[in-house]
Protein backbone atom coordinates (compact mmCIF):
# COMPACT_ATOMS: atom_id res chain seq x y z
CA MET A 1 95.00 115.37 72.75
CA ASN A 2 98.24 114.83 74.58
CA THR A 3 98.43 112.46 77.33
CA VAL A 4 100.87 113.39 80.18
CA PHE A 5 102.25 110.64 82.38
CA GLU A 6 103.29 111.34 85.93
CA CYS A 7 105.11 108.71 88.20
CA TRP A 8 104.78 108.69 92.01
CA MET A 9 106.29 106.34 94.60
CA ALA A 10 106.08 105.80 98.23
CA SER A 11 108.93 107.70 99.94
CA ASP A 12 111.69 105.40 101.87
CA ILE A 13 110.08 106.82 105.05
CA ALA A 14 106.68 105.55 104.23
CA GLN A 15 108.07 102.16 103.27
CA ALA A 16 109.89 101.96 106.40
CA LEU A 17 106.88 102.96 108.47
CA GLU A 18 104.89 100.19 106.82
CA ARG A 19 107.55 97.61 107.22
CA ASP A 20 107.95 98.29 110.89
CA ASN A 21 104.13 98.12 111.49
CA VAL A 22 103.88 101.73 112.70
CA LEU A 23 100.95 102.65 110.37
CA GLY A 24 97.31 101.54 111.15
CA ASP A 25 93.98 101.70 109.78
CA SER A 26 92.56 105.05 108.82
CA ASP A 27 88.89 106.04 108.79
CA LYS A 28 89.59 108.35 105.60
CA PRO A 29 91.42 106.74 102.49
CA ASP A 30 93.12 109.95 101.83
CA ARG A 31 95.12 109.91 105.27
CA LEU A 32 97.58 107.81 106.99
CA ALA A 33 97.25 106.94 110.66
CA VAL A 34 99.58 105.89 113.45
CA ARG A 35 98.35 102.56 114.97
CA LYS A 36 97.86 102.41 118.89
CA PRO A 37 100.73 100.90 120.54
CA GLY A 38 100.53 97.56 122.47
CA GLU A 39 101.21 97.00 126.07
CA GLY A 40 104.94 97.65 126.77
CA GLU A 41 105.41 98.99 123.16
CA LYS A 42 106.64 102.25 122.00
CA ILE A 43 105.66 103.94 118.75
CA PRO A 44 107.45 107.02 117.52
CA SER A 45 105.71 110.61 117.84
CA PHE A 46 104.89 112.66 114.68
CA LEU A 47 105.19 116.28 114.53
CA ARG A 48 103.52 118.78 112.02
CA GLU A 49 103.87 122.33 112.51
CA GLY A 50 105.11 121.83 116.09
CA ALA A 51 102.22 119.70 117.26
CA ASN A 52 101.75 115.97 117.88
CA VAL A 53 99.61 114.36 115.33
CA THR A 54 98.28 110.82 114.68
CA ASP A 55 97.21 110.90 111.16
CA TRP A 56 98.09 113.18 108.18
CA GLU A 57 97.57 113.46 104.29
CA THR A 58 99.08 110.77 101.96
CA GLU A 59 100.67 113.34 99.88
CA PHE A 60 103.42 113.73 102.56
CA MET A 61 104.75 110.24 101.80
CA LEU A 62 104.83 110.48 98.10
CA VAL A 63 107.64 111.44 95.83
CA HIS A 64 107.38 112.59 92.22
CA LEU A 65 109.73 110.62 90.09
CA GLY A 66 110.11 113.45 87.41
CA TYR A 67 111.44 116.00 89.74
CA GLY A 68 115.26 116.13 89.63
CA ALA A 69 115.49 114.20 86.41
CA PRO A 70 117.85 115.99 83.99
CA ASN A 71 116.43 117.65 80.94
CA GLU A 72 117.59 120.43 78.81
CA ASN A 73 116.44 123.09 81.15
CA ASN A 74 117.92 121.85 84.42
CA ASN A 75 121.29 120.42 83.56
CA GLN A 76 122.99 123.32 85.42
CA PHE A 77 121.15 122.08 88.78
CA ASN A 78 121.79 118.21 88.31
CA VAL A 79 123.09 116.96 91.59
CA LEU A 80 125.30 114.26 89.76
CA THR A 81 127.49 116.84 88.07
CA ARG A 82 130.19 116.35 90.66
CA TYR A 83 130.74 112.71 91.21
CA ASP A 84 134.39 112.65 91.56
CA TYR A 85 134.95 113.29 95.24
CA PRO A 86 137.98 111.35 96.55
CA VAL A 87 136.81 107.89 98.10
CA MET A 88 136.95 107.85 101.86
CA ASN A 89 136.43 105.38 104.36
CA ARG A 90 136.55 102.27 101.85
CA TYR A 91 138.67 99.15 102.44
CA GLY A 92 141.96 99.38 100.72
CA GLN A 93 141.54 102.81 99.26
CA LYS A 94 142.72 105.86 101.22
CA PRO A 95 142.53 109.23 99.89
CA THR A 96 145.54 111.49 99.62
CA LYS A 97 146.32 115.23 99.96
CA SER A 98 146.84 115.37 96.22
CA ASP A 99 143.33 113.73 95.77
CA PHE A 100 141.61 116.55 97.56
CA LYS A 101 143.89 119.22 95.88
CA GLN A 102 142.81 117.83 92.41
CA PHE A 103 139.25 117.90 93.37
CA ILE A 104 139.30 121.41 94.50
């Protein structure tokens, strides 16, 4: 019998919502809920399919770590194949026209 391991993590958005105390207690363990705002406090609105929602499935906040990892089948789609774009807006390094011409 072969064992297949899958790795998941909470998305950056989920971590930020938890850090900023936006999430509250949910009645269902498979759903996330927005907490009720206190007096004079604002909580962001959340839209799903054009409608305002106060809870949603936890799967919306999970990221599968295996997706996008390079392997022998997806090397042509790897986003890190072009990493030599000229440096911009960094202290002490200004790109020149020849940098862009070489990149193209």
